[in-house]
Amino acid sequence: MLAERPVSAWMCVIGEYAMSRRRFLFTAAAASWCAAWGPRVDAESPPAAALGKAAPAFNVPDTGGRGRTLAEFKGKTVVLEWTSPSCPFAAAQYTSGRMPELQRWAIGKGIVWLSVLSTHPSRGDYLAAAPAEAFNRERGGAPSALLMDTSGTMGHVYGATTADHMFIIAGNGTLAYAGGIDDSESRDPKEVATSHNHVRAALEDLLAGRRVAVPSTEPFGCAVSYAG
């Protein structure tokens, strides 16, 4: 089950790319980047988040400095979107318009959407709160809030390993979905635009009062830039 795997099981999917039946593994250059910039987490400490179980609590400041907690959204469906200012896979979601469109649609349905940056300040792509907010708005981001998880605590607890690693917390507080944003596994905006969106499908199930048909998929994208 995806949510119960330790972070080390998904160490680097930065350049993995799928197209039709062919799969191209990342190049040696990408592998070197991953070794230098990928997450380093003690394999003895698996994430606390598990499908069907109560979602872990968090208290993380947004870009305005306000502490945001899971308890604040009690009774509401909450989407957690791990993102990145430098990942081409994340960029494709925004360039295609799919991520902003999904954010607006979800919020219009009363769903809370929290984008999360777990980039450590020591990393080259780190953005402080104000620049992060400006960047997110410039790319069309429209979440309920952008959280600054600079310590990586929230990311590690949820087992977030890549940009676009997505989690859905149902209104009853349990984790209902964990995995990739869609089935494109692509950094091509055109492919993203025509992909099947796992998150929207899961949200539609919850809105209709159904169990999520596909509660877990494999995340893909660039490794979260935790402290090294």
C-alpha atoms as a PDB file:
ATOM      1  CA  MET A   1       0.000   0.000   0.000  1.00  0.00           C
ATOM      2  CA  LEU A   2       1.509   3.290  -1.117  1.00  0.00           C
ATOM      3  CA  ALA A   3       0.975   5.345   2.013  1.00  0.00           C
ATOM      4  CA  GLU A   4       2.621   2.726   4.205  1.00  0.00           C
ATOM      5  CA  ARG A   5       5.870   2.566   2.245  1.00  0.00           C
ATOM      6  CA  PRO A   6       8.899   4.318   3.733  1.00  0.00           C
ATOM      7  CA  VAL A   7      10.139   7.376   1.898  1.00  0.00           C
ATOM      8  CA  SER A   8      13.229   5.451   0.810  1.00  0.00           C
ATOM      9  CA  ALA A   9      11.037   3.308  -1.419  1.00  0.00           C
ATOM     10  CA  TRP A  10      10.333   6.349  -3.617  1.00  0.00           C
ATOM     11  CA  MET A  11      13.710   8.043  -3.377  1.00  0.00           C
ATOM     12  CA  CYS A  12      13.918   9.346  -6.917  1.00  0.00           C
ATOM     13  CA  VAL A  13      11.380   9.514  -9.671  1.00  0.00           C
ATOM     14  CA  ILE A  14      12.737  12.826 -10.916  1.00  0.00           C
ATOM     15  CA  GLY A  15      13.232  11.895 -14.543  1.00  0.00           C
ATOM     16  CA  GLU A  16      10.996   8.906 -14.929  1.00  0.00           C
ATOM     17  CA  TYR A  17       8.802   9.411 -17.944  1.00  0.00           C
ATOM     18  CA  ALA A  18       6.009   7.271 -19.345  1.00  0.00           C
ATOM     19  CA  MET A  19       4.572   7.430 -22.824  1.00  0.00           C
ATOM     20  CA  SER A  20       2.196   4.811 -24.186  1.00  0.00           C
ATOM     21  CA  ARG A  21       3.774   1.425 -23.385  1.00  0.00           C
ATOM     22  CA  ARG A  22       7.336   2.656 -23.341  1.00  0.00           C
ATOM     23  CA  ARG A  23       9.064   3.808 -20.167  1.00  0.00           C
ATOM     24  CA  PHE A  24      12.286   5.777 -20.215  1.00  0.00           C
ATOM     25  CA  LEU A  25      14.327   5.790 -17.005  1.00  0.00           C
ATOM     26  CA  PHE A  26      16.130   8.910 -15.974  1.00  0.00           C
ATOM     27  CA  THR A  27      19.569   9.617 -17.386  1.00  0.00           C
ATOM     28  CA  ALA A  28      22.845   9.404 -15.514  1.00  0.00           C
ATOM     29  CA  ALA A  29      22.844  13.190 -15.254  1.00  0.00           C
ATOM     30  CA  ALA A  30      19.423  13.169 -13.648  1.00  0.00           C
ATOM     31  CA  ALA A  31      20.522  10.382 -11.332  1.00  0.00           C
ATOM     32  CA  SER A  32      23.470  12.487 -10.219  1.00  0.00           C
ATOM     33  CA  TRP A  33      21.141  15.406  -9.534  1.00  0.00           C
ATOM     34  CA  CYS A  34      18.901  13.128  -7.545  1.00  0.00           C
ATOM     35  CA  ALA A  35      21.734  11.786  -5.446  1.00  0.00           C
ATOM     36  CA  ALA A  36      22.784  15.328  -4.603  1.00  0.00           C
ATOM     37  CA  TRP A  37      19.359  16.891  -4.154  1.00  0.00           C
ATOM     38  CA  GLY A  38      16.948  14.096  -3.320  1.00  0.00           C
ATOM     39  CA  PRO A  39      15.395  13.540   0.082  1.00  0.00           C
ATOM     40  CA  ARG A  40      17.384  11.891   2.835  1.00  0.00           C
ATOM     41  CA  VAL A  41      15.147  10.324   5.424  1.00  0.00           C
ATOM     42  CA  ASP A  42      15.911   7.665   7.997  1.00  0.00           C
ATOM     43  CA  ALA A  43      14.474   4.423   6.632  1.00  0.00           C
ATOM     44  CA  GLU A  44      13.696   3.445  10.218  1.00  0.00           C
ATOM     45  CA  SER A  45      11.085   6.224  10.411  1.00  0.00           C
ATOM     46  CA  PRO A  46       8.261   5.446   7.968  1.00  0.00           C
ATOM     47  CA  PRO A  47       5.610   8.107   7.353  1.00  0.00           C
ATOM     48  CA  ALA A  48       2.718   8.234   9.775  1.00  0.00           C
ATOM     49  CA  ALA A  49       0.112   8.795   7.056  1.00  0.00           C
ATOM     50  CA  ALA A  50      -1.747   5.638   6.013  1.00  0.00           C
ATOM     51  CA  LEU A  51      -4.771   5.174   3.790  1.00  0.00           C
ATOM     52  CA  GLY A  52      -8.018   4.725   5.683  1.00  0.00           C
ATOM     53  CA  LYS A  53      -6.460   5.970   8.920  1.00  0.00           C
ATOM     54  CA  ALA A  54      -6.701   9.360  10.595  1.00  0.00           C
ATOM     55  CA  ALA A  55      -4.578  11.872   8.719  1.00  0.00           C
ATOM     56  CA  PRO A  56      -1.623  13.199  10.742  1.00  0.00           C
ATOM     57  CA  ALA A  57      -2.090  16.592  12.367  1.00  0.00           C
ATOM     58  CA  PHE A  58       0.055  19.485  11.200  1.00  0.00           C
ATOM     59  CA  ASN A  59       0.725  23.095  12.117  1.00  0.00           C
ATOM     60  CA  VAL A  60       2.565  24.893   9.325  1.00  0.00           C
ATOM     61  CA  PRO A  61       2.707  28.619   8.492  1.00  0.00           C
ATOM     62  CA  ASP A  62       1.322  29.854   5.207  1.00  0.00           C
ATOM     63  CA  THR A  63       3.091  32.513   3.152  1.00  0.00           C
ATOM     64  CA  GLY A  64       1.363  35.180   5.233  1.00  0.00           C
ATOM     65  CA  GLY A  65       2.847  33.766   8.445  1.00  0.00           C
ATOM     66  CA  ARG A  66      -0.435  32.358   9.736  1.00  0.00           C
ATOM     67  CA  GLY A  67      -0.214  28.903  11.264  1.00  0.00           C
ATOM     68  CA  ARG A  68      -2.519  26.484   9.442  1.00  0.00           C
ATOM     69  CA  THR A  69      -3.657  23.277  11.099  1.00  0.00           C
ATOM     70  CA  LEU A  70      -5.614  20.243  10.005  1.00  0.00           C
ATOM     71  CA  ALA A  71      -8.008  20.875  12.918  1.00  0.00           C
ATOM     72  CA  GLU A  72      -8.888  24.220  11.336  1.00  0.00           C
ATOM     73  CA  PHE A  73     -10.561  22.343   8.487  1.00  0.00           C
ATOM     74  CA  LYS A  74     -12.423  19.749  10.528  1.00  0.00           C
ATOM     75  CA  GLY A  75     -15.339  18.282   8.598  1.00  0.00           C
ATOM     76  CA  LYS A  76     -14.019  19.436   5.212  1.00  0.00           C
ATOM     77  CA  THR A  77     -12.285  17.538   2.444  1.00  0.00           C
ATOM     78  CA  VAL A  78      -8.675  18.715   2.211  1.00  0.00           C
ATOM     79  CA  VAL A  79      -6.264  18.308  -0.698  1.00  0.00           C
ATOM     80  CA  LEU A  80      -2.513  18.459  -0.017  1.00  0.00           C
ATOM     81  CA  GLU A  81      -0.389  19.217  -3.066  1.00  0.00           C
ATOM     82  CA  TRP A  82       3.383  19.046  -2.669  1.00  0.00           C
ATOM     83  CA  THR A  83       4.915  21.388  -5.209  1.00  0.00           C
ATOM     84  CA  SER A  84       8.184  22.941  -6.362  1.00  0.00           C
ATOM     85  CA  PRO A  85       9.356  26.165  -8.019  1.00  0.00           C
ATOM     86  CA  SER A  86      11.936  24.323 -10.139  1.00  0.00           C
ATOM     87  CA  CYS A  87      10.473  20.943 -11.123  1.00  0.00           C
ATOM     88  CA  PRO A  88       9.487  20.633 -14.819  1.00  0.00           C
ATOM     89  CA  PHE A  89       6.802  18.076 -13.943  1.00  0.00           C
ATOM     90  CA  ALA A  90       5.153  20.538 -11.574  1.00  0.00           C
ATOM     91  CA  ALA A  91       5.592  23.332 -14.118  1.00  0.00           C
ATOM     92  CA  ALA A  92       3.761  21.290 -16.753  1.00  0.00           C
ATOM     93  CA  GLN A  93       0.731  20.988 -14.478  1.00  0.00           C
ATOM     94  CA  TYR A  94       0.491  24.773 -14.309  1.00  0.00           C
ATOM     95  CA  THR A  95       1.513  25.591 -17.894  1.00  0.00           C
ATOM     96  CA  SER A  96      -1.209  23.227 -19.114  1.00  0.00           C
ATOM     97  CA  GLY A  97      -3.731  24.983 -16.884  1.00  0.00           C
ATOM     98  CA  ARG A  98      -4.825  21.693 -15.332  1.00  0.00           C
ATOM     99  CA  MET A  99      -3.647  22.353 -11.771  1.00  0.00           C
ATOM    100  CA  PRO A 100      -5.115  25.881 -11.427  1.00  0.00           C
ATOM    101  CA  GLU A 101      -8.351  24.697 -13.023  1.00  0.00           C
ATOM    102  CA  LEU A 102      -8.580  21.774 -10.598  1.00  0.00           C
ATOM    103  CA  GLN A 103      -7.818  24.034  -7.644  1.00  0.00           C
ATOM    104  CA  ARG A 104     -10.597  26.476  -8.583  1.00  0.00           C
ATOM    105  CA  TRP A 105     -13.053  23.654  -9.256  1.00  0.00           C
ATOM    106  CA  ALA A 106     -12.320  21.996  -5.915  1.00  0.00           C
ATOM    107  CA  ILE A 107     -12.542  25.197  -3.899  1.00  0.00           C
ATOM    108  CA  GLY A 108     -15.817  25.974  -5.643  1.00  0.00           C
ATOM    109  CA  LYS A 109     -17.113  22.664  -4.266  1.00  0.00           C
ATOM    110  CA  GLY A 110     -16.177  23.620  -0.708  1.00  0.00           C
ATOM    111  CA  ILE A 111     -12.931  21.635  -0.720  1.00  0.00           C
ATOM    112  CA  VAL A 112      -9.813  23.063   0.956  1.00  0.00           C
ATOM    113  CA  TRP A 113      -6.693  23.022  -1.226  1.00  0.00           C
ATOM    114  CA  LEU A 114      -3.310  23.413   0.444  1.00  0.00           C
ATOM    115  CA  SER A 115      -0.194  23.623  -1.701  1.00  0.00           C
ATOM    116  CA  VAL A 116       2.929  22.713   0.273  1.00  0.00           C
ATOM    117  CA  LEU A 117       6.561  23.697  -0.206  1.00  0.00           C
ATOM    118  CA  SER A 118       8.882  21.471   1.813  1.00  0.00           C
ATOM    119  CA  THR A 119      12.035  22.894   0.220  1.00  0.00           C
ATOM    120  CA  HIS A 120      14.740  23.418   2.835  1.00  0.00           C
ATOM    121  CA  PRO A 121      16.421  26.874   2.962  1.00  0.00           C
ATOM    122  CA  SER A 122      19.770  25.249   2.138  1.00  0.00           C
ATOM    123  CA  ARG A 123      18.507  24.131  -1.265  1.00  0.00           C
ATOM    124  CA  GLY A 124      19.191  26.048  -4.449  1.00  0.00           C
ATOM    125  CA  ASP A 125      15.519  26.343  -5.409  1.00  0.00           C
ATOM    126  CA  TYR A 126      14.349  27.585  -2.000  1.00  0.00           C
ATOM    127  CA  LEU A 127      12.025  30.571  -2.005  1.00  0.00           C
ATOM    128  CA  ALA A 128      11.159  32.577   1.097  1.00  0.00           C
ATOM    129  CA  ALA A 129       7.484  33.192   1.825  1.00  0.00           C
ATOM    130  CA  ALA A 130       6.902  36.385  -0.182  1.00  0.00           C
ATOM    131  CA  PRO A 131       8.747  35.245  -3.330  1.00  0.00           C
ATOM    132  CA  ALA A 132       7.054  31.840  -3.069  1.00  0.00           C
ATOM    133  CA  GLU A 133       3.625  33.446  -2.959  1.00  0.00           C
ATOM    134  CA  ALA A 134       4.485  35.709  -5.891  1.00  0.00           C
ATOM    135  CA  PHE A 135       5.813  32.766  -7.903  1.00  0.00           C
ATOM    136  CA  ASN A 136       2.724  30.691  -7.222  1.00  0.00           C
ATOM    137  CA  ARG A 137       0.373  33.490  -8.252  1.00  0.00           C
ATOM    138  CA  GLU A 138       2.400  34.194 -11.380  1.00  0.00           C
ATOM    139  CA  ARG A 139       2.050  30.600 -12.555  1.00  0.00           C
ATOM    140  CA  GLY A 140      -1.714  30.753 -11.967  1.00  0.00           C
ATOM    141  CA  GLY A 141      -1.846  28.936  -8.640  1.00  0.00           C
ATOM    142  CA  ALA A 142      -5.129  29.374  -6.790  1.00  0.00           C
ATOM    143  CA  PRO A 143      -4.973  27.228  -3.627  1.00  0.00           C
ATOM    144  CA  SER A 144      -6.693  28.019  -0.360  1.00  0.00           C
ATOM    145  CA  ALA A 145      -3.189  28.594   1.039  1.00  0.00           C
ATOM    146  CA  LEU A 146       0.472  27.929   0.250  1.00  0.00           C
ATOM    147  CA  LEU A 147       2.230  26.331   3.224  1.00  0.00           C
ATOM    148  CA  MET A 148       5.930  26.817   4.019  1.00  0.00           C
ATOM    149  CA  ASP A 149       7.079  23.486   5.443  1.00  0.00           C
ATOM    150  CA  THR A 150      10.743  24.515   5.477  1.00  0.00           C
ATOM    151  CA  SER A 151      11.655  22.010   8.199  1.00  0.00           C
ATOM    152  CA  GLY A 152      10.185  19.179   6.130  1.00  0.00           C
ATOM    153  CA  THR A 153       8.307  17.889   9.177  1.00  0.00           C
ATOM    154  CA  MET A 154       4.921  17.818   7.465  1.00  0.00           C
ATOM    155  CA  GLY A 155       6.365  16.303   4.308  1.00  0.00           C
ATOM    156  CA  HIS A 156       8.091  13.503   6.191  1.00  0.00           C
ATOM    157  CA  VAL A 157       5.006  12.701   8.262  1.00  0.00           C
ATOM    158  CA  TYR A 158       2.919  12.345   5.121  1.00  0.00           C
ATOM    159  CA  GLY A 159       5.660  10.580   3.190  1.00  0.00           C
ATOM    160  CA  ALA A 160       5.713  13.187   0.419  1.00  0.00           C
ATOM    161  CA  THR A 161       8.543  12.341  -1.932  1.00  0.00           C
ATOM    162  CA  THR A 162       7.944  14.276  -5.142  1.00  0.00           C
ATOM    163  CA  ALA A 163       6.547  17.521  -6.414  1.00  0.00           C
ATOM    164  CA  ASP A 164       2.903  16.762  -7.336  1.00  0.00           C
ATOM    165  CA  HIS A 165       2.693  14.052  -4.670  1.00  0.00           C
ATOM    166  CA  MET A 166      -0.965  14.418  -3.740  1.00  0.00           C
ATOM    167  CA  PHE A 167      -2.990  13.505  -0.660  1.00  0.00           C
ATOM    168  CA  ILE A 168      -6.722  13.803  -0.037  1.00  0.00           C
ATOM    169  CA  ILE A 169      -8.157  13.895   3.471  1.00  0.00           C
ATOM    170  CA  ALA A 170     -11.867  13.090   3.612  1.00  0.00           C
ATOM    171  CA  GLY A 171     -14.327  15.061   5.700  1.00  0.00           C
ATOM    172  CA  ASN A 172     -14.168  12.416   8.429  1.00  0.00           C
ATOM    173  CA  GLY A 173     -10.438  13.086   8.832  1.00  0.00           C
ATOM    174  CA  THR A 174      -9.129   9.902   7.224  1.00  0.00           C
ATOM    175  CA  LEU A 175      -6.650   9.719   4.368  1.00  0.00           C
ATOM    176  CA  ALA A 176      -8.674   8.829   1.266  1.00  0.00           C
ATOM    177  CA  TYR A 177      -6.082   9.147  -1.520  1.00  0.00           C
ATOM    178  CA  ALA A 178      -2.296   9.228  -1.852  1.00  0.00           C
ATOM    179  CA  GLY A 179      -0.301   9.262  -5.055  1.00  0.00           C
ATOM    180  CA  GLY A 180       0.257  11.039  -8.349  1.00  0.00           C
ATOM    181  CA  ILE A 181      -1.789  13.866  -9.783  1.00  0.00           C
ATOM    182  CA  ASP A 182      -2.579  12.067 -13.047  1.00  0.00           C
ATOM    183  CA  ASP A 183      -1.553   9.239 -15.355  1.00  0.00           C
ATOM    184  CA  SER A 184       0.611  11.313 -17.694  1.00  0.00           C
ATOM    185  CA  GLU A 185       3.906  10.924 -15.810  1.00  0.00           C
ATOM    186  CA  SER A 186       4.957  13.730 -18.123  1.00  0.00           C
ATOM    187  CA  ARG A 187       6.545  17.163 -18.165  1.00  0.00           C
ATOM    188  CA  ASP A 188       4.868  17.921 -21.495  1.00  0.00           C
ATOM    189  CA  PRO A 189       1.920  20.284 -20.911  1.00  0.00           C
ATOM    190  CA  LYS A 190       0.103  18.834 -23.929  1.00  0.00           C
ATOM    191  CA  GLU A 191       0.199  15.335 -22.473  1.00  0.00           C
ATOM    192  CA  VAL A 192      -0.818  16.623 -19.064  1.00  0.00           C
ATOM    193  CA  ALA A 193      -3.815  18.399 -20.607  1.00  0.00           C
ATOM    194  CA  THR A 194      -5.236  15.149 -21.976  1.00  0.00           C
ATOM    195  CA  SER A 195      -4.374  12.883 -19.053  1.00  0.00           C
ATOM    196  CA  HIS A 196      -6.704  11.160 -16.601  1.00  0.00           C
ATOM    197  CA  ASN A 197      -6.578  13.128 -13.362  1.00  0.00           C
ATOM    198  CA  HIS A 198      -6.508  10.800 -10.357  1.00  0.00           C
ATOM    199  CA  VAL A 199      -7.193  13.584  -7.869  1.00  0.00           C
ATOM    200  CA  ARG A 200     -10.291  14.899  -9.605  1.00  0.00           C
ATOM    201  CA  ALA A 201     -11.651  11.357  -9.923  1.00  0.00           C
ATOM    202  CA  ALA A 202     -11.102  10.745  -6.199  1.00  0.00           C
ATOM    203  CA  LEU A 203     -12.736  14.048  -5.271  1.00  0.00           C
ATOM    204  CA  GLU A 204     -15.743  13.284  -7.466  1.00  0.00           C
ATOM    205  CA  ASP A 205     -16.134   9.960  -5.655  1.00  0.00           C
ATOM    206  CA  LEU A 206     -16.082  11.691  -2.273  1.00  0.00           C
ATOM    207  CA  LEU A 207     -18.496  14.410  -3.383  1.00  0.00           C
ATOM    208  CA  ALA A 208     -20.916  11.701  -4.566  1.00  0.00           C
ATOM    209  CA  GLY A 209     -20.668   9.873  -1.246  1.00  0.00           C
ATOM    210  CA  ARG A 210     -18.760   6.967  -2.780  1.00  0.00           C
ATOM    211  CA  ARG A 211     -15.612   5.238  -1.630  1.00  0.00           C
ATOM    212  CA  VAL A 212     -12.623   6.356  -3.666  1.00  0.00           C
ATOM    213  CA  ALA A 213     -12.325   3.794  -6.463  1.00  0.00           C
ATOM    214  CA  VAL A 214      -8.553   4.213  -6.847  1.00  0.00           C
ATOM    215  CA  PRO A 215      -7.151   5.316  -3.466  1.00  0.00           C
ATOM    216  CA  SER A 216      -3.460   5.040  -4.321  1.00  0.00           C
ATOM    217  CA  THR A 217      -1.180   5.456  -7.329  1.00  0.00           C
ATOM    218  CA  GLU A 218       2.561   5.925  -7.680  1.00  0.00           C
ATOM    219  CA  PRO A 219       3.760   9.528  -7.413  1.00  0.00           C
ATOM    220  CA  PHE A 220       6.096  10.857 -10.082  1.00  0.00           C
ATOM    221  CA  GLY A 221       8.144  13.995 -10.589  1.00  0.00           C
ATOM    222  CA  CYS A 222      11.171  15.636  -8.961  1.00  0.00           C
ATOM    223  CA  ALA A 223      12.304  14.636  -5.487  1.00  0.00           C
ATOM    224  CA  VAL A 224      11.249  16.989  -2.719  1.00  0.00           C
ATOM    225  CA  SER A 225      14.253  19.125  -1.702  1.00  0.00           C
ATOM    226  CA  TYR A 226      14.410  18.247   1.960  1.00  0.00           C
ATOM    227  CA  ALA A 227      17.434  19.111   4.087  1.00  0.00           C
ATOM    228  CA  GLY A 228      20.451  17.143   2.969  1.00  0.00           C
END
